[in-house]
C-alpha atoms as a PDB file:
ATOM      1  CA  MET A   1      49.347  81.199  55.305  1.00  0.00           C
ATOM      2  CA  LYS A   2      49.979  79.059  52.232  1.00  0.00           C
ATOM      3  CA  ILE A   3      53.285  80.864  51.598  1.00  0.00           C
ATOM      4  CA  ILE A   4      54.392  80.289  55.208  1.00  0.00           C
ATOM      5  CA  PHE A   5      53.469  76.584  54.983  1.00  0.00           C
ATOM      6  CA  THR A   6      55.373  76.205  51.689  1.00  0.00           C
ATOM      7  CA  CYS A   7      58.458  77.845  53.193  1.00  0.00           C
ATOM      8  CA  PHE A   8      58.188  75.504  56.180  1.00  0.00           C
ATOM      9  CA  ILE A   9      58.114  72.447  53.875  1.00  0.00           C
ATOM     10  CA  LEU A  10      61.124  73.737  51.941  1.00  0.00           C
ATOM     11  CA  LEU A  11      62.979  74.220  55.222  1.00  0.00           C
ATOM     12  CA  LEU A  12      62.175  70.654  56.275  1.00  0.00           C
ATOM     13  CA  ASN A  13      63.459  69.360  52.933  1.00  0.00           C
ATOM     14  CA  ALA A  14      66.678  71.354  53.330  1.00  0.00           C
ATOM     15  CA  LEU A  15      67.151  69.950  56.817  1.00  0.00           C
ATOM     16  CA  HIS A  16      66.545  66.458  55.455  1.00  0.00           C
ATOM     17  CA  VAL A  17      69.297  66.936  52.843  1.00  0.00           C
ATOM     18  CA  ASP A  18      71.704  68.344  55.435  1.00  0.00           C
ATOM     19  CA  ALA A  19      70.944  65.373  57.675  1.00  0.00           C
ATOM     20  CA  GLN A  20      71.738  62.942  54.866  1.00  0.00           C
ATOM     21  CA  THR A  21      73.027  59.747  56.431  1.00  0.00           C
ATOM     22  CA  LEU A  22      75.568  57.559  54.703  1.00  0.00           C
ATOM     23  CA  TYR A  23      74.928  53.887  54.142  1.00  0.00           C
ATOM     24  CA  SER A  24      77.153  51.954  56.528  1.00  0.00           C
ATOM     25  CA  LYS A  25      77.165  48.631  58.319  1.00  0.00           C
ATOM     26  CA  SER A  26      79.350  46.941  60.929  1.00  0.00           C
ATOM     27  CA  PHE A  27      80.307  43.295  61.327  1.00  0.00           C
ATOM     28  CA  GLY A  28      81.741  41.524  64.359  1.00  0.00           C
ATOM     29  CA  ASN A  29      82.537  42.459  67.930  1.00  0.00           C
ATOM     30  CA  ALA A  30      83.109  46.175  68.557  1.00  0.00           C
ATOM     31  CA  LYS A  31      85.879  45.231  71.018  1.00  0.00           C
ATOM     32  CA  ASN A  32      87.979  43.699  68.230  1.00  0.00           C
ATOM     33  CA  LYS A  33      90.496  45.513  66.014  1.00  0.00           C
ATOM     34  CA  PRO A  34      88.560  47.911  63.757  1.00  0.00           C
ATOM     35  CA  ILE A  35      88.927  47.872  59.970  1.00  0.00           C
ATOM     36  CA  ILE A  36      87.155  50.422  57.780  1.00  0.00           C
ATOM     37  CA  PHE A  37      86.722  49.261  54.175  1.00  0.00           C
ATOM     38  CA  LEU A  38      86.952  52.017  51.551  1.00  0.00           C
ATOM     39  CA  HIS A  39      85.527  50.927  48.210  1.00  0.00           C
ATOM     40  CA  GLY A  40      86.741  51.651  44.701  1.00  0.00           C
ATOM     41  CA  GLY A  41      85.507  53.967  41.993  1.00  0.00           C
ATOM     42  CA  PRO A  42      84.844  56.813  41.976  1.00  0.00           C
ATOM     43  CA  GLY A  43      81.235  55.845  41.402  1.00  0.00           C
ATOM     44  CA  TYR A  44      80.993  52.355  42.876  1.00  0.00           C
ATOM     45  CA  ASN A  45      80.113  51.000  46.335  1.00  0.00           C
ATOM     46  CA  CYS A  46      81.049  48.431  48.960  1.00  0.00           C
ATOM     47  CA  ALA A  47      78.405  45.803  48.025  1.00  0.00           C
ATOM     48  CA  ASN A  48      80.748  43.088  46.703  1.00  0.00           C
ATOM     49  CA  PHE A  49      83.042  43.221  49.744  1.00  0.00           C
ATOM     50  CA  GLU A  50      80.095  43.570  52.119  1.00  0.00           C
ATOM     51  CA  ALA A  51      78.261  40.531  50.712  1.00  0.00           C
ATOM     52  CA  THR A  52      81.237  38.201  50.377  1.00  0.00           C
ATOM     53  CA  THR A  53      84.017  39.056  52.791  1.00  0.00           C
ATOM     54  CA  ALA A  54      83.069  41.472  55.587  1.00  0.00           C
ATOM     55  CA  GLN A  55      81.539  38.804  57.842  1.00  0.00           C
ATOM     56  CA  GLU A  56      84.311  36.311  57.030  1.00  0.00           C
ATOM     57  CA  LEU A  57      86.908  38.871  58.103  1.00  0.00           C
ATOM     58  CA  ALA A  58      84.897  39.692  61.241  1.00  0.00           C
ATOM     59  CA  ASP A  59      84.767  35.980  62.105  1.00  0.00           C
ATOM     60  CA  ASN A  60      88.565  36.080  62.148  1.00  0.00           C
ATOM     61  CA  GLY A  61      88.736  38.608  64.957  1.00  0.00           C
ATOM     62  CA  PHE A  62      88.096  42.022  63.401  1.00  0.00           C
ATOM     63  CA  TYR A  63      85.435  44.685  63.768  1.00  0.00           C
ATOM     64  CA  VAL A  64      84.661  45.480  60.129  1.00  0.00           C
ATOM     65  CA  ILE A  65      82.890  48.632  58.985  1.00  0.00           C
ATOM     66  CA  VAL A  66      81.778  49.198  55.401  1.00  0.00           C
ATOM     67  CA  TYR A  67      80.135  52.231  53.837  1.00  0.00           C
ATOM     68  CA  ASP A  68      79.265  53.791  50.491  1.00  0.00           C
ATOM     69  CA  ARG A  69      80.826  57.193  49.821  1.00  0.00           C
ATOM     70  CA  ARG A  70      78.511  60.189  49.718  1.00  0.00           C
ATOM     71  CA  GLY A  71      76.712  60.414  46.387  1.00  0.00           C
ATOM     72  CA  GLU A  72      77.733  56.843  45.488  1.00  0.00           C
ATOM     73  CA  GLY A  73      75.967  53.507  45.870  1.00  0.00           C
ATOM     74  CA  ARG A  74      73.324  53.595  48.604  1.00  0.00           C
ATOM     75  CA  SER A  75      74.549  56.898  50.076  1.00  0.00           C
ATOM     76  CA  LYS A  76      72.416  58.954  47.742  1.00  0.00           C
ATOM     77  CA  ASP A  77      72.894  62.701  48.039  1.00  0.00           C
ATOM     78  CA  THR A  78      72.107  65.083  45.204  1.00  0.00           C
ATOM     79  CA  ASN A  79      74.160  67.740  47.005  1.00  0.00           C
ATOM     80  CA  ALA A  80      77.339  65.634  47.229  1.00  0.00           C
ATOM     81  CA  LYS A  81      80.405  67.746  46.467  1.00  0.00           C
ATOM     82  CA  PHE A  82      82.751  64.874  45.493  1.00  0.00           C
ATOM     83  CA  THR A  83      85.800  66.319  47.201  1.00  0.00           C
ATOM     84  CA  PHE A  84      88.381  64.714  49.458  1.00  0.00           C
ATOM     85  CA  GLU A  85      87.495  67.246  52.144  1.00  0.00           C
ATOM     86  CA  GLU A  86      83.883  66.046  52.155  1.00  0.00           C
ATOM     87  CA  THR A  87      84.980  62.403  52.034  1.00  0.00           C
ATOM     88  CA  PHE A  88      87.367  62.840  54.968  1.00  0.00           C
ATOM     89  CA  ALA A  89      84.641  64.532  57.007  1.00  0.00           C
ATOM     90  CA  ASP A  90      82.360  61.553  56.340  1.00  0.00           C
ATOM     91  CA  ILE A  91      85.041  59.052  57.368  1.00  0.00           C
ATOM     92  CA  THR A  92      85.642  61.044  60.543  1.00  0.00           C
ATOM     93  CA  GLY A  93      81.901  60.774  61.112  1.00  0.00           C
ATOM     94  CA  LEU A  94      82.161  56.989  60.914  1.00  0.00           C
ATOM     95  CA  TYR A  95      84.785  57.042  63.670  1.00  0.00           C
ATOM     96  CA  LYS A  96      82.319  58.919  65.871  1.00  0.00           C
ATOM     97  CA  GLN A  97      79.328  56.796  64.878  1.00  0.00           C
ATOM     98  CA  TYR A  98      81.098  53.527  65.710  1.00  0.00           C
ATOM     99  CA  ASP A  99      83.051  54.935  68.675  1.00  0.00           C
ATOM    100  CA  ILE A 100      86.493  54.327  67.158  1.00  0.00           C
ATOM    101  CA  THR A 101      89.632  56.326  67.914  1.00  0.00           C
ATOM    102  CA  SER A 102      92.088  54.523  65.606  1.00  0.00           C
ATOM    103  CA  ALA A 103      91.510  52.011  62.818  1.00  0.00           C
ATOM    104  CA  THR A 104      93.084  50.149  59.929  1.00  0.00           C
ATOM    105  CA  LEU A 105      91.941  51.577  56.602  1.00  0.00           C
ATOM    106  CA  MET A 106      91.503  48.948  53.899  1.00  0.00           C
ATOM    107  CA  GLY A 107      91.423  50.762  50.567  1.00  0.00           C
ATOM    108  CA  HIS A 108      90.305  48.854  47.489  1.00  0.00           C
ATOM    109  CA  SER A 109      91.299  50.433  44.154  1.00  0.00           C
ATOM    110  CA  PHE A 110      90.407  54.171  44.355  1.00  0.00           C
ATOM    111  CA  GLY A 111      89.668  53.535  48.026  1.00  0.00           C
ATOM    112  CA  GLY A 112      93.415  53.100  48.475  1.00  0.00           C
ATOM    113  CA  VAL A 113      93.902  56.679  47.287  1.00  0.00           C
ATOM    114  CA  VAL A 114      91.290  57.851  49.790  1.00  0.00           C
ATOM    115  CA  ALA A 115      92.891  55.802  52.597  1.00  0.00           C
ATOM    116  CA  THR A 116      96.363  57.210  51.926  1.00  0.00           C
ATOM    117  CA  LEU A 117      95.283  60.834  51.740  1.00  0.00           C
ATOM    118  CA  PHE A 118      93.029  60.533  54.801  1.00  0.00           C
ATOM    119  CA  ALA A 119      95.887  58.980  56.812  1.00  0.00           C
ATOM    120  CA  GLU A 120      98.192  61.817  55.799  1.00  0.00           C
ATOM    121  CA  GLU A 121      95.662  64.373  57.054  1.00  0.00           C
ATOM    122  CA  HIS A 122      94.579  62.408  60.159  1.00  0.00           C
ATOM    123  CA  PRO A 123      97.559  60.210  61.147  1.00  0.00           C
ATOM    124  CA  GLN A 124      96.356  59.912  64.744  1.00  0.00           C
ATOM    125  CA  LYS A 125      93.231  58.101  63.527  1.00  0.00           C
ATOM    126  CA  VAL A 126      95.049  55.490  61.422  1.00  0.00           C
ATOM    127  CA  LYS A 127      96.805  52.414  62.775  1.00  0.00           C
ATOM    128  CA  SER A 128      97.729  51.055  59.346  1.00  0.00           C
ATOM    129  CA  ILE A 129      96.749  51.062  55.675  1.00  0.00           C
ATOM    130  CA  ILE A 130      96.106  48.012  53.516  1.00  0.00           C
ATOM    131  CA  LEU A 131      96.145  48.804  49.796  1.00  0.00           C
ATOM    132  CA  VAL A 132      94.035  46.250  47.931  1.00  0.00           C
ATOM    133  CA  GLY A 133      94.503  46.424  44.161  1.00  0.00           C
ATOM    134  CA  ALA A 134      95.023  50.160  44.621  1.00  0.00           C
ATOM    135  CA  PRO A 135      96.940  52.448  42.246  1.00  0.00           C
ATOM    136  CA  VAL A 136      99.987  54.365  43.425  1.00  0.00           C
ATOM    137  CA  SER A 137     100.292  56.307  40.179  1.00  0.00           C
ATOM    138  CA  LEU A 138      97.147  56.613  38.067  1.00  0.00           C
ATOM    139  CA  GLN A 139      99.152  57.683  35.021  1.00  0.00           C
ATOM    140  CA  ALA A 140     101.382  54.604  35.301  1.00  0.00           C
ATOM    141  CA  THR A 141      98.253  52.467  35.488  1.00  0.00           C
ATOM    142  CA  PHE A 142      96.856  53.984  32.297  1.00  0.00           C
ATOM    143  CA  LYS A 143     100.151  53.342  30.495  1.00  0.00           C
ATOM    144  CA  SER A 144     100.127  49.756  31.709  1.00  0.00           C
ATOM    145  CA  ILE A 145      96.584  49.211  30.422  1.00  0.00           C
ATOM    146  CA  ILE A 146      97.462  50.648  27.001  1.00  0.00           C
ATOM    147  CA  ALA A 147     100.654  48.574  26.722  1.00  0.00           C
ATOM    148  CA  LYS A 148      98.862  45.332  27.611  1.00  0.00           C
ATOM    149  CA  THR A 149      95.855  45.934  25.383  1.00  0.00           C
ATOM    150  CA  LYS A 150      98.096  46.936  22.483  1.00  0.00           C
ATOM    151  CA  SER A 151      99.932  43.622  22.807  1.00  0.00           C
ATOM    152  CA  ILE A 152      96.612  41.740  22.789  1.00  0.00           C
ATOM    153  CA  TYR A 153      95.284  43.618  19.761  1.00  0.00           C
ATOM    154  CA  GLN A 154      98.546  43.149  17.862  1.00  0.00           C
ATOM    155  CA  GLU A 155      98.478  39.411  18.507  1.00  0.00           C
ATOM    156  CA  LYS A 156      94.872  39.262  17.277  1.00  0.00           C
ATOM    157  CA  LYS A 157      95.665  41.581  14.346  1.00  0.00           C
ATOM    158  CA  ASP A 158      92.772  43.719  15.578  1.00  0.00           C
ATOM    159  CA  SER A 159      93.344  46.807  13.442  1.00  0.00           C
ATOM    160  CA  ILE A 160      90.133  48.511  14.612  1.00  0.00           C
ATOM    161  CA  ASN A 161      91.051  48.521  18.296  1.00  0.00           C
ATOM    162  CA  LEU A 162      94.671  49.335  17.485  1.00  0.00           C
ATOM    163  CA  GLY A 163      93.298  52.395  15.715  1.00  0.00           C
ATOM    164  CA  TYR A 164      91.297  53.325  18.809  1.00  0.00           C
ATOM    165  CA  LEU A 165      94.406  52.944  20.965  1.00  0.00           C
ATOM    166  CA  SER A 166      96.339  55.165  18.587  1.00  0.00           C
ATOM    167  CA  MET A 167      93.704  57.881  19.046  1.00  0.00           C
ATOM    168  CA  LEU A 168      93.721  57.296  22.801  1.00  0.00           C
ATOM    169  CA  GLU A 169      97.481  57.826  23.000  1.00  0.00           C
ATOM    170  CA  LYS A 170      97.039  61.257  21.408  1.00  0.00           C
ATOM    171  CA  MET A 171      94.498  62.403  24.021  1.00  0.00           C
ATOM    172  CA  ASP A 172      95.179  64.574  27.057  1.00  0.00           C
ATOM    173  CA  THR A 173      96.306  61.951  29.570  1.00  0.00           C
ATOM    174  CA  ALA A 174      94.922  63.984  32.481  1.00  0.00           C
ATOM    175  CA  SER A 175      91.402  64.074  31.030  1.00  0.00           C
ATOM    176  CA  ILE A 176      88.453  62.087  32.365  1.00  0.00           C
ATOM    177  CA  MET A 177      87.786  60.759  28.853  1.00  0.00           C
ATOM    178  CA  TYR A 178      91.310  59.353  28.626  1.00  0.00           C
ATOM    179  CA  SER A 179      90.919  57.472  31.900  1.00  0.00           C
ATOM    180  CA  SER A 180      87.426  56.270  30.959  1.00  0.00           C
ATOM    181  CA  TYR A 181      88.602  54.838  27.638  1.00  0.00           C
ATOM    182  CA  CYS A 182      91.592  53.171  29.317  1.00  0.00           C
ATOM    183  CA  PHE A 183      89.313  51.428  31.810  1.00  0.00           C
ATOM    184  CA  ARG A 184      86.924  50.487  29.012  1.00  0.00           C
ATOM    185  CA  HIS A 185      89.726  48.694  27.154  1.00  0.00           C
ATOM    186  CA  ALA A 186      90.742  47.007  30.418  1.00  0.00           C
ATOM    187  CA  MET A 187      87.187  45.791  30.936  1.00  0.00           C
ATOM    188  CA  GLN A 188      86.669  44.408  27.439  1.00  0.00           C
ATOM    189  CA  ASN A 189      89.923  42.446  27.734  1.00  0.00           C
ATOM    190  CA  GLY A 190      89.073  40.781  31.045  1.00  0.00           C
ATOM    191  CA  PHE A 191      91.635  42.631  33.150  1.00  0.00           C
ATOM    192  CA  TYR A 192      89.396  42.473  36.224  1.00  0.00           C
ATOM    193  CA  SER A 193      89.036  38.667  36.251  1.00  0.00           C
ATOM    194  CA  PRO A 194      91.529  35.914  37.142  1.00  0.00           C
ATOM    195  CA  LYS A 195      92.649  33.746  34.245  1.00  0.00           C
ATOM    196  CA  ASN A 196      92.187  30.541  36.238  1.00  0.00           C
ATOM    197  CA  MET A 197      89.564  30.991  38.934  1.00  0.00           C
ATOM    198  CA  THR A 198      89.977  28.750  41.986  1.00  0.00           C
ATOM    199  CA  GLU A 199      87.145  26.496  43.146  1.00  0.00           C
ATOM    200  CA  GLU A 200      86.821  28.662  46.247  1.00  0.00           C
ATOM    201  CA  ALA A 201      86.405  31.778  44.104  1.00  0.00           C
ATOM    202  CA  LYS A 202      83.844  30.095  41.839  1.00  0.00           C
ATOM    203  CA  LYS A 203      81.661  29.356  44.871  1.00  0.00           C
ATOM    204  CA  ILE A 204      82.022  32.904  46.205  1.00  0.00           C
ATOM    205  CA  TYR A 205      81.095  34.484  42.870  1.00  0.00           C
ATOM    206  CA  ALA A 206      78.168  32.088  42.410  1.00  0.00           C
ATOM    207  CA  SER A 207      76.842  32.854  45.898  1.00  0.00           C
ATOM    208  CA  PHE A 208      77.217  36.575  45.280  1.00  0.00           C
ATOM    209  CA  LYS A 209      75.438  36.341  41.933  1.00  0.00           C
ATOM    210  CA  ALA A 210      72.551  34.534  43.626  1.00  0.00           C
ATOM    211  CA  ASP A 211      72.078  37.503  45.964  1.00  0.00           C
ATOM    212  CA  THR A 212      70.221  39.598  43.411  1.00  0.00           C
ATOM    213  CA  ALA A 213      69.735  42.607  45.688  1.00  0.00           C
ATOM    214  CA  MET A 214      73.449  42.932  46.393  1.00  0.00           C
ATOM    215  CA  THR A 215      74.509  42.286  42.811  1.00  0.00           C
ATOM    216  CA  LYS A 216      72.098  45.018  41.735  1.00  0.00           C
ATOM    217  CA  HIS A 217      73.748  47.415  44.193  1.00  0.00           C
ATOM    218  CA  ALA A 218      77.227  46.332  43.093  1.00  0.00           C
ATOM    219  CA  GLY A 219      76.391  46.888  39.440  1.00  0.00           C
ATOM    220  CA  SER A 220      74.980  50.380  39.863  1.00  0.00           C
ATOM    221  CA  MET A 221      77.486  53.118  39.102  1.00  0.00           C
ATOM    222  CA  SER A 222      77.224  56.825  39.800  1.00  0.00           C
ATOM    223  CA  TYR A 223      78.543  58.788  36.822  1.00  0.00           C
ATOM    224  CA  GLU A 224      78.461  62.050  38.778  1.00  0.00           C
ATOM    225  CA  ALA A 225      81.196  60.787  41.130  1.00  0.00           C
ATOM    226  CA  PRO A 226      84.067  60.276  38.656  1.00  0.00           C
ATOM    227  CA  GLN A 227      83.242  63.552  36.927  1.00  0.00           C
ATOM    228  CA  GLY A 228      83.005  65.333  40.272  1.00  0.00           C
ATOM    229  CA  PHE A 229      86.256  63.975  41.702  1.00  0.00           C
ATOM    230  CA  TRP A 230      88.018  64.729  38.423  1.00  0.00           C
ATOM    231  CA  THR A 231      86.731  68.309  38.343  1.00  0.00           C
ATOM    232  CA  ASN A 232      87.511  68.989  41.997  1.00  0.00           C
ATOM    233  CA  GLU A 233      90.553  66.830  42.717  1.00  0.00           C
ATOM    234  CA  HIS A 234      92.110  65.956  39.324  1.00  0.00           C
ATOM    235  CA  TYR A 235      92.357  62.395  40.587  1.00  0.00           C
ATOM    236  CA  THR A 236      93.551  60.980  37.251  1.00  0.00           C
ATOM    237  CA  THR A 237      96.993  62.536  37.828  1.00  0.00           C
ATOM    238  CA  ILE A 238      97.446  61.495  41.458  1.00  0.00           C
ATOM    239  CA  ASN A 239     100.753  59.842  42.373  1.00  0.00           C
ATOM    240  CA  LEU A 240     100.925  58.611  45.976  1.00  0.00           C
ATOM    241  CA  THR A 241     104.654  57.836  46.104  1.00  0.00           C
ATOM    242  CA  ASN A 242     105.602  60.840  48.236  1.00  0.00           C
ATOM    243  CA  ASN A 243     102.459  60.507  50.347  1.00  0.00           C
ATOM    244  CA  LEU A 244     103.332  56.913  51.228  1.00  0.00           C
ATOM    245  CA  ARG A 245     106.883  57.939  52.099  1.00  0.00           C
ATOM    246  CA  ALA A 246     105.517  60.643  54.388  1.00  0.00           C
ATOM    247  CA  LEU A 247     103.274  58.119  56.150  1.00  0.00           C
ATOM    248  CA  GLN A 248     106.210  55.771  56.686  1.00  0.00           C
ATOM    249  CA  GLN A 249     108.084  58.616  58.380  1.00  0.00           C
ATOM    250  CA  GLN A 250     105.104  58.960  60.715  1.00  0.00           C
ATOM    251  CA  LYS A 251     105.405  55.238  61.547  1.00  0.00           C
ATOM    252  CA  ILE A 252     102.072  54.290  59.957  1.00  0.00           C
ATOM    253  CA  ALA A 253     102.295  50.709  58.693  1.00  0.00           C
ATOM    254  CA  ILE A 254     101.472  50.246  54.996  1.00  0.00           C
ATOM    255  CA  TYR A 255     100.679  46.922  53.335  1.00  0.00           C
ATOM    256  CA  GLY A 256      99.612  45.793  49.881  1.00  0.00           C
ATOM    257  CA  LEU A 257      97.538  42.929  48.465  1.00  0.00           C
ATOM    258  CA  TYR A 258      97.526  42.548  44.674  1.00  0.00           C
ATOM    259  CA  GLY A 259      96.642  39.875  42.123  1.00  0.00           C
ATOM    260  CA  LYS A 260      99.044  38.750  39.424  1.00  0.00           C
ATOM    261  CA  ASP A 261      96.129  38.648  36.969  1.00  0.00           C
ATOM    262  CA  ASP A 262      95.099  42.239  37.706  1.00  0.00           C
ATOM    263  CA  GLY A 263      95.570  43.800  34.279  1.00  0.00           C
ATOM    264  CA  LEU A 264      95.586  47.332  35.662  1.00  0.00           C
ATOM    265  CA  TYR A 265      99.104  46.951  37.032  1.00  0.00           C
ATOM    266  CA  SER A 266     102.360  45.738  35.548  1.00  0.00           C
ATOM    267  CA  ALA A 267     104.754  43.536  37.490  1.00  0.00           C
ATOM    268  CA  GLN A 268     107.111  46.530  37.527  1.00  0.00           C
ATOM    269  CA  GLN A 269     104.523  48.634  39.356  1.00  0.00           C
ATOM    270  CA  ILE A 270     104.218  45.970  42.066  1.00  0.00           C
ATOM    271  CA  GLU A 271     107.990  45.725  42.298  1.00  0.00           C
ATOM    272  CA  ASP A 272     108.206  49.510  42.693  1.00  0.00           C
ATOM    273  CA  LEU A 273     105.670  49.343  45.537  1.00  0.00           C
ATOM    274  CA  GLN A 274     107.687  46.579  47.193  1.00  0.00           C
ATOM    275  CA  HIS A 275     110.785  48.772  47.054  1.00  0.00           C
ATOM    276  CA  LEU A 276     108.780  51.658  48.479  1.00  0.00           C
ATOM    277  CA  ILE A 277     107.097  50.001  51.474  1.00  0.00           C
ATOM    278  CA  GLY A 278     109.038  46.741  51.820  1.00  0.00           C
ATOM    279  CA  LYS A 279     108.906  43.459  49.915  1.00  0.00           C
ATOM    280  CA  ASP A 280     107.633  41.613  52.988  1.00  0.00           C
ATOM    281  CA  LYS A 281     104.671  43.989  53.189  1.00  0.00           C
ATOM    282  CA  VAL A 282     103.270  43.296  49.720  1.00  0.00           C
ATOM    283  CA  GLU A 283     101.502  40.042  48.826  1.00  0.00           C
ATOM    284  CA  TYR A 284     101.353  39.344  45.081  1.00  0.00           C
ATOM    285  CA  LEU A 285      98.868  36.509  44.627  1.00  0.00           C
ATOM    286  CA  ASP A 286      98.470  33.859  41.906  1.00  0.00           C
ATOM    287  CA  ASN A 287      95.077  33.196  40.269  1.00  0.00           C
ATOM    288  CA  CYS A 288      93.883  36.553  41.477  1.00  0.00           C
ATOM    289  CA  SER A 289      92.838  39.802  39.810  1.00  0.00           C
ATOM    290  CA  HIS A 290      91.364  43.098  40.998  1.00  0.00           C
ATOM    291  CA  SER A 291      88.879  41.798  43.593  1.00  0.00           C
ATOM    292  CA  VAL A 292      91.525  40.155  45.744  1.00  0.00           C
ATOM    293  CA  PHE A 293      89.103  39.512  48.617  1.00  0.00           C
ATOM    294  CA  MET A 294      86.892  37.384  46.329  1.00  0.00           C
ATOM    295  CA  ASP A 295      89.504  35.785  44.065  1.00  0.00           C
ATOM    296  CA  GLN A 296      91.679  34.503  46.941  1.00  0.00           C
ATOM    297  CA  GLN A 297      89.536  35.038  50.014  1.00  0.00           C
ATOM    298  CA  GLN A 298      91.211  32.744  52.542  1.00  0.00           C
ATOM    299  CA  THR A 299      94.693  33.863  51.486  1.00  0.00           C
ATOM    300  CA  PHE A 300      93.478  37.455  51.691  1.00  0.00           C
ATOM    301  CA  ILE A 301      92.157  36.982  55.239  1.00  0.00           C
ATOM    302  CA  ALA A 302      95.301  35.158  56.343  1.00  0.00           C
ATOM    303  CA  ALA A 303      97.441  38.014  55.020  1.00  0.00           C
ATOM    304  CA  VAL A 304      95.319  40.635  56.825  1.00  0.00           C
ATOM    305  CA  LYS A 305      95.648  38.670  60.074  1.00  0.00           C
ATOM    306  CA  GLN A 306      99.419  38.523  59.611  1.00  0.00           C
ATOM    307  CA  PHE A 307      99.613  42.248  58.842  1.00  0.00           C
ATOM    308  CA  GLU A 308      97.578  43.127  61.929  1.00  0.00           C
ATOM    309  CA  GLU A 309      99.389  40.924  64.467  1.00  0.00           C
END
C-alpha cells in the first residue's frame, strides 16, 4: 500500500510539472490592439517593463501582455528545455490564454530575436514586430562592444583591461564564455545607461527602485537559460538579416527603437538596420540607452502609437 501511495504522489508531482504555468499578466482593454512584450536575456524577465511601462502603454490604447519565459524569472520550471521550439509553443499558448489571433510582438534585446523567429514560423499570428534595443547580428554586437571598450581602456591607459580584451579577442567567438565576457565589459563601462538621463527617466527609475519586490524580480537572473539556449540554439552566432528580409516579403511590418547611448550597438549597425527595414521605421533616440521604454518613455510610447496606426 505504501508503494502504491508513493507512486501516486510521484505521479501527482509529474502532473504538476507538466501543468507548469508561465507567469503572465495583461494590461488594458482586451478589445484594443494586442501587444505581447518579449523580454531580454536569456535569463532575465519582464519585471522592469511590467512595472514601469506596460500600464502606460495600455493607457494609450493597447492591450499589453507580458510574461517571463519558461525557466526564467517567475516562470520557474526545472524541466525547461530552453529551445526556440518550447518558447514558440509557450507564446502560442499565450495567444490562446488571452484569446488573441494576431498581435504585435515587442521584442526587447534577446526578445527581438525570439519575436523575429516566431514571426517567421507563425506569420499569420503576427501583425508587426517592434525591435527594442535588439541585436540583428550577435557577432557584430560583440565586435562593437570590444571596439568601444578598447577605446575607453586606451584613453585611460588601463593596461590590465586591455590585456583582458587581448585574451578575449583570441577566444572562440561563438562560445558562451566569449559572449559573457563581452557583456561583462559592456556592463562595467556603463553601456546600459544613458549618459545624460532626462528628468522623466530619473523619476521612472526612482519609482521602480522604490518597488522592492519588482526590483528583486528584475535583478534575479537564471544562469541555466543562457547556457541552455547556447547549447540548443547556438544563439551567440544568430544573424537575423535574412530572417527580417523574409518577413518583409510576407508583408509583416518591422520597426526599431534604439538609444544612441546603447553601447551594445554602433551607429553603423543602426544605419544597416535602417537600410534593411527602412529609415522611417527606425527611431534612434537621444539620451537613451538599452532600456528605451524607461529612458525615453513618452517618446517610446508616441513612436509605438505611430507605428501601429
